[in-house]
N, C-alpha and C. Protein backbone atom coordinates (compact mmCIF):
# COMPACT_ATOMS: atom_id res chain seq x y z
N MET A 1 -13.10 6.99 -8.14
CA MET A 1 -13.87 5.74 -7.60
C MET A 1 -13.31 4.46 -8.00
N SER A 2 -13.24 3.55 -7.15
CA SER A 2 -12.54 2.18 -7.62
C SER A 2 -13.33 1.47 -8.87
N GLN A 3 -12.63 0.94 -9.67
CA GLN A 3 -13.23 0.12 -10.76
C GLN A 3 -14.06 -0.94 -10.20
N LEU A 4 -13.72 -1.49 -8.99
CA LEU A 4 -14.22 -2.75 -8.29
C LEU A 4 -15.69 -2.28 -7.95
N SER A 5 -15.98 -1.23 -7.38
CA SER A 5 -17.30 -0.83 -7.08
C SER A 5 -18.21 -0.53 -8.05
N VAL A 6 -17.80 -0.30 -9.35
CA VAL A 6 -18.78 -0.15 -10.47
C VAL A 6 -18.89 -1.22 -11.55
N ALA A 7 -18.03 -2.39 -11.32
CA ALA A 7 -17.95 -3.41 -12.24
C ALA A 7 -19.16 -4.03 -12.31
N PRO A 8 -19.57 -4.71 -13.35
CA PRO A 8 -20.58 -5.85 -13.30
C PRO A 8 -20.54 -6.92 -12.50
N PRO A 9 -21.51 -7.48 -11.85
CA PRO A 9 -21.40 -8.59 -10.87
C PRO A 9 -20.77 -9.95 -11.42
N ASP A 10 -20.79 -10.01 -12.87
CA ASP A 10 -20.08 -11.39 -13.23
C ASP A 10 -18.56 -11.20 -13.08
N THR A 11 -18.00 -10.06 -12.95
CA THR A 11 -16.43 -9.98 -12.92
C THR A 11 -16.00 -9.60 -11.55
N ASP A 12 -16.99 -9.31 -10.65
CA ASP A 12 -16.67 -9.02 -9.17
C ASP A 12 -15.79 -10.01 -8.60
N ARG A 13 -16.03 -11.26 -8.72
CA ARG A 13 -15.20 -12.47 -8.11
C ARG A 13 -13.76 -12.39 -8.64
N ALA A 14 -13.52 -12.38 -9.93
CA ALA A 14 -12.30 -12.34 -10.48
C ALA A 14 -11.55 -11.08 -10.09
N GLN A 15 -12.11 -10.02 -10.06
CA GLN A 15 -11.40 -8.55 -9.63
C GLN A 15 -11.02 -8.81 -8.08
N LEU A 16 -11.92 -9.34 -7.37
CA LEU A 16 -11.67 -9.50 -5.93
C LEU A 16 -10.40 -10.59 -5.81
N ASP A 17 -10.46 -11.50 -6.49
CA ASP A 17 -9.26 -12.56 -6.32
C ASP A 17 -8.00 -11.93 -6.75
N LYS A 18 -8.06 -11.00 -7.85
CA LYS A 18 -6.96 -10.56 -8.36
C LYS A 18 -6.34 -9.53 -7.29
N LEU A 19 -7.27 -8.72 -6.87
CA LEU A 19 -6.92 -7.86 -5.66
C LEU A 19 -6.47 -8.36 -4.52
N CYS A 20 -7.05 -9.47 -4.06
CA CYS A 20 -6.39 -10.33 -2.87
C CYS A 20 -4.92 -10.92 -3.09
N THR A 21 -4.59 -11.27 -4.45
CA THR A 21 -3.42 -11.88 -4.74
C THR A 21 -2.44 -10.72 -4.74
N SER A 22 -2.96 -9.57 -5.11
CA SER A 22 -1.88 -8.34 -5.28
C SER A 22 -1.65 -7.90 -3.77
N ILE A 23 -2.55 -7.98 -2.98
CA ILE A 23 -2.36 -7.67 -1.66
C ILE A 23 -1.41 -8.51 -0.92
N ARG A 24 -1.68 -9.93 -1.03
CA ARG A 24 -0.79 -11.02 -0.46
C ARG A 24 0.56 -10.70 -0.95
N GLY A 25 0.78 -10.40 -2.25
CA GLY A 25 2.15 -10.08 -2.65
C GLY A 25 2.77 -8.98 -1.96
N LYS A 26 1.96 -7.92 -1.88
CA LYS A 26 2.61 -6.65 -1.20
C LYS A 26 3.04 -6.98 0.19
N LEU A 27 2.23 -7.77 1.02
CA LEU A 27 2.36 -8.32 2.36
C LEU A 27 3.60 -8.89 2.32
N GLN A 28 3.67 -9.92 1.54
CA GLN A 28 5.00 -10.71 1.57
C GLN A 28 6.26 -9.88 1.25
N PHE A 29 6.09 -8.98 0.59
CA PHE A 29 7.51 -8.10 0.10
C PHE A 29 7.69 -7.19 1.29
N MET A 30 6.64 -6.63 2.06
CA MET A 30 6.83 -5.85 3.23
C MET A 30 7.38 -6.82 4.27
N ASP A 31 6.96 -8.04 4.56
CA ASP A 31 7.60 -8.86 5.33
C ASP A 31 8.99 -9.08 5.10
N TYR A 32 9.34 -9.37 3.84
CA TYR A 32 10.74 -9.41 3.45
C TYR A 32 11.51 -8.14 3.98
N LEU A 33 11.18 -6.88 3.63
CA LEU A 33 11.65 -5.73 3.93
C LEU A 33 11.97 -5.59 5.57
N VAL A 34 11.01 -5.96 6.33
CA VAL A 34 11.09 -5.91 7.71
C VAL A 34 12.14 -6.93 8.21
N ARG A 35 12.17 -8.14 7.72
CA ARG A 35 13.21 -9.15 8.11
C ARG A 35 14.45 -8.72 7.74
N ALA A 36 14.63 -8.22 6.59
CA ALA A 36 16.08 -7.75 6.04
C ALA A 36 16.44 -6.46 6.80
N ALA A 37 15.68 -5.53 7.27
CA ALA A 37 16.04 -4.44 7.93
C ALA A 37 16.50 -4.83 9.37
N LEU A 38 15.79 -5.73 9.94
CA LEU A 38 16.07 -6.11 11.35
C LEU A 38 17.38 -7.01 11.32
N ALA A 39 17.61 -7.80 10.31
CA ALA A 39 18.85 -8.72 10.24
C ALA A 39 20.07 -7.71 10.04
N ASP A 40 19.78 -6.81 9.16
CA ASP A 40 20.97 -5.81 8.88
C ASP A 40 21.23 -5.08 10.07
N PHE A 41 20.18 -4.67 10.91
CA PHE A 41 20.42 -3.75 12.01
C PHE A 41 21.26 -4.62 13.03
N GLU A 42 20.75 -6.02 13.17
CA GLU A 42 21.59 -6.71 14.38
C GLU A 42 23.10 -6.88 13.72
N ARG A 43 23.35 -6.98 12.40
CA ARG A 43 24.70 -7.08 11.82
C ARG A 43 25.30 -5.62 12.13
N PHE A 44 24.76 -4.58 12.04
CA PHE A 44 25.28 -3.20 12.26
C PHE A 44 25.70 -3.19 13.64
N GLN A 45 24.82 -3.55 14.55
CA GLN A 45 25.23 -3.44 16.18
C GLN A 45 26.31 -4.23 16.45
N ALA A 46 26.57 -5.45 15.82
CA ALA A 46 27.73 -6.35 16.08
C ALA A 46 28.89 -5.91 15.30
N GLU A 47 28.77 -5.29 14.09
CA GLU A 47 30.03 -4.79 13.36
C GLU A 47 30.98 -3.95 14.01
N ALA A 48 32.30 -4.27 14.02
CA ALA A 48 33.29 -3.31 14.56
C ALA A 48 33.96 -2.53 13.32
N ASP A 49 33.90 -2.75 12.24
CA ASP A 49 34.49 -2.04 11.23
C ASP A 49 33.62 -0.89 10.55
N ALA A 50 34.14 0.40 10.73
CA ALA A 50 33.39 1.66 10.61
C ALA A 50 32.93 1.60 8.91
N GLY A 51 33.81 1.12 8.18
CA GLY A 51 33.28 1.09 6.74
C GLY A 51 32.01 0.11 6.55
N THR A 52 32.22 -1.04 7.07
CA THR A 52 30.95 -2.02 6.87
C THR A 52 29.82 -1.43 7.69
N GLN A 53 29.86 -0.65 8.75
CA GLN A 53 28.88 -0.09 9.39
C GLN A 53 28.11 0.96 8.60
N VAL A 54 28.84 1.62 8.01
CA VAL A 54 28.34 2.59 6.91
C VAL A 54 27.51 1.87 5.90
N PHE A 55 28.04 0.88 5.29
CA PHE A 55 27.36 -0.01 4.26
C PHE A 55 26.06 -0.52 4.90
N LEU A 56 26.19 -1.04 6.06
CA LEU A 56 24.95 -1.64 6.79
C LEU A 56 23.88 -0.54 6.97
N LYS A 57 24.34 0.55 7.45
CA LYS A 57 23.55 1.74 7.76
C LYS A 57 22.82 2.01 6.48
N GLN A 58 23.45 2.19 5.31
CA GLN A 58 22.83 2.44 4.02
C GLN A 58 21.73 1.47 3.66
N LEU A 59 22.04 0.19 4.00
CA LEU A 59 21.08 -0.86 3.60
C LEU A 59 19.84 -0.60 4.49
N ILE A 60 19.88 -0.41 5.73
CA ILE A 60 18.99 -0.32 6.60
C ILE A 60 18.06 0.95 6.31
N GLU A 61 18.68 2.11 5.92
CA GLU A 61 17.89 3.11 5.46
C GLU A 61 17.17 2.87 4.16
N MET A 62 17.66 2.09 3.17
CA MET A 62 17.09 1.60 1.96
C MET A 62 15.86 0.85 2.27
N HIS A 63 16.02 -0.23 3.30
CA HIS A 63 14.96 -1.03 3.70
C HIS A 63 13.73 -0.16 4.29
N ALA A 64 14.09 0.50 5.14
CA ALA A 64 13.04 1.50 5.74
C ALA A 64 12.44 2.45 4.91
N SER A 65 13.07 3.07 3.77
CA SER A 65 12.52 3.95 2.83
C SER A 65 11.59 2.86 2.14
N ASN A 66 11.87 1.86 1.51
CA ASN A 66 11.06 1.12 0.70
C ASN A 66 9.84 0.65 1.56
N LEU A 67 10.01 0.28 2.83
CA LEU A 67 8.93 -0.26 3.56
C LEU A 67 7.94 0.97 3.95
N ALA A 68 8.45 2.30 4.14
CA ALA A 68 7.48 3.33 4.31
C ALA A 68 6.88 3.57 2.82
N LEU A 69 7.47 3.46 1.67
CA LEU A 69 6.76 3.57 0.42
C LEU A 69 5.70 2.65 0.26
N GLU A 70 5.98 1.23 0.52
CA GLU A 70 5.02 0.37 0.53
C GLU A 70 3.87 0.47 1.31
N CYS A 71 4.03 1.04 2.50
CA CYS A 71 2.96 1.33 3.36
C CYS A 71 1.95 2.43 2.84
N GLU A 72 2.56 3.36 2.16
CA GLU A 72 1.74 4.47 1.53
C GLU A 72 1.08 3.97 0.36
N ASN A 73 1.60 2.85 -0.27
CA ASN A 73 0.91 2.15 -1.52
C ASN A 73 -0.10 1.24 -1.18
N MET A 74 -0.47 1.01 -0.01
CA MET A 74 -1.48 0.13 0.42
C MET A 74 -2.84 0.39 0.17
N ARG A 75 -3.02 1.19 -0.91
CA ARG A 75 -4.43 1.66 -1.23
C ARG A 75 -5.21 0.48 -1.59
N LEU A 76 -4.66 -0.65 -2.02
CA LEU A 76 -5.27 -1.68 -2.41
C LEU A 76 -6.10 -2.45 -1.23
N VAL A 77 -5.73 -2.41 -0.04
CA VAL A 77 -6.48 -2.78 1.15
C VAL A 77 -7.81 -2.02 1.17
N GLY A 78 -7.69 -0.56 1.10
CA GLY A 78 -8.87 0.31 1.07
C GLY A 78 -9.93 -0.18 -0.11
N ASP A 79 -9.21 -0.55 -1.34
CA ASP A 79 -10.03 -0.87 -2.41
C ASP A 79 -10.86 -2.43 -2.05
N LEU A 80 -10.18 -3.18 -1.51
CA LEU A 80 -10.85 -4.36 -1.00
C LEU A 80 -11.95 -4.10 -0.09
N CYS A 81 -11.70 -3.39 0.98
CA CYS A 81 -12.66 -3.03 1.97
C CYS A 81 -13.94 -2.60 1.36
N THR A 82 -13.69 -1.59 0.31
CA THR A 82 -14.68 -0.84 -0.32
C THR A 82 -15.52 -1.85 -1.19
N SER A 83 -14.89 -2.79 -1.76
CA SER A 83 -15.38 -3.73 -2.69
C SER A 83 -16.25 -4.88 -1.74
N LEU A 84 -15.69 -5.37 -0.69
CA LEU A 84 -16.46 -6.09 0.12
C LEU A 84 -17.56 -5.42 0.76
N ASP A 85 -17.54 -4.22 1.16
CA ASP A 85 -18.64 -3.46 1.65
C ASP A 85 -19.85 -3.46 0.70
N ALA A 86 -19.44 -3.11 -0.48
CA ALA A 86 -20.47 -2.93 -1.52
C ALA A 86 -21.09 -4.40 -1.86
N ALA A 87 -20.32 -5.47 -1.74
CA ALA A 87 -20.89 -6.67 -1.90
C ALA A 87 -21.84 -7.01 -0.80
N VAL A 88 -21.59 -6.62 0.21
CA VAL A 88 -22.31 -7.18 1.52
C VAL A 88 -23.48 -6.17 1.37
N GLN A 89 -23.47 -4.93 1.08
CA GLN A 89 -24.66 -4.05 0.83
C GLN A 89 -25.66 -4.50 -0.18
N ALA A 90 -25.02 -5.15 -1.14
CA ALA A 90 -25.91 -5.57 -2.19
C ALA A 90 -26.45 -6.84 -1.89
N GLY A 91 -26.31 -7.44 -0.74
CA GLY A 91 -26.92 -8.71 -0.40
C GLY A 91 -26.00 -9.70 -0.49
N GLY A 92 -24.79 -9.69 -0.97
CA GLY A 92 -23.87 -10.84 -1.22
C GLY A 92 -24.42 -11.76 -2.22
N HIS A 93 -25.26 -11.30 -3.23
CA HIS A 93 -25.83 -12.15 -4.37
C HIS A 93 -24.85 -11.99 -5.59
N GLY A 94 -24.97 -12.94 -6.41
CA GLY A 94 -24.08 -12.80 -7.60
C GLY A 94 -22.78 -13.67 -7.41
N SER A 95 -21.74 -13.12 -8.16
CA SER A 95 -20.62 -14.01 -8.06
C SER A 95 -19.65 -13.52 -7.26
N VAL A 96 -19.92 -12.53 -6.12
CA VAL A 96 -18.95 -11.92 -5.26
C VAL A 96 -18.66 -12.84 -4.22
N GLY A 97 -17.44 -13.11 -3.80
CA GLY A 97 -17.05 -13.93 -2.79
C GLY A 97 -15.53 -13.85 -2.86
N LEU A 98 -14.88 -14.51 -1.70
CA LEU A 98 -13.71 -14.58 -1.58
C LEU A 98 -13.17 -15.81 -0.99
N ARG A 99 -12.03 -16.39 -1.68
CA ARG A 99 -11.63 -17.76 -1.18
C ARG A 99 -10.66 -17.40 0.05
N ARG A 100 -10.83 -18.25 0.90
CA ARG A 100 -9.96 -18.32 2.36
C ARG A 100 -8.70 -19.07 2.00
N GLY A 101 -7.54 -18.43 2.60
CA GLY A 101 -6.28 -19.26 2.41
C GLY A 101 -5.56 -18.86 1.21
N GLY A 102 -4.88 -19.93 0.67
CA GLY A 102 -3.84 -19.76 -0.55
C GLY A 102 -4.28 -18.74 -1.58
N ALA A 103 -3.07 -18.63 -2.33
CA ALA A 103 -3.14 -17.64 -3.42
C ALA A 103 -4.29 -17.95 -4.38
N ALA A 104 -4.74 -16.99 -5.22
CA ALA A 104 -5.97 -17.06 -6.27
C ALA A 104 -5.25 -17.68 -7.32
């Protein structure tokens, strides 16, 4: 069970903020991986040298592997949803809440 769903109400806000910051960081990293993979794929398609194509292929495979791993590790989104659901079910009282926008 997630620690967030059993934490005392006075720490819920801080834990949700920390969780949201972590999720934002993971999403930014995933965005980098997608952009890098697509850029390297475009370079791969335009490259005539076989040796450079092999190198670019390895880069693309590395980006795709890392992206797949990050997708598997997105348990944090589930934790956030569970915490938000628990807060709503509790009536939204106490210190539970999320900031909209920028980093925590």
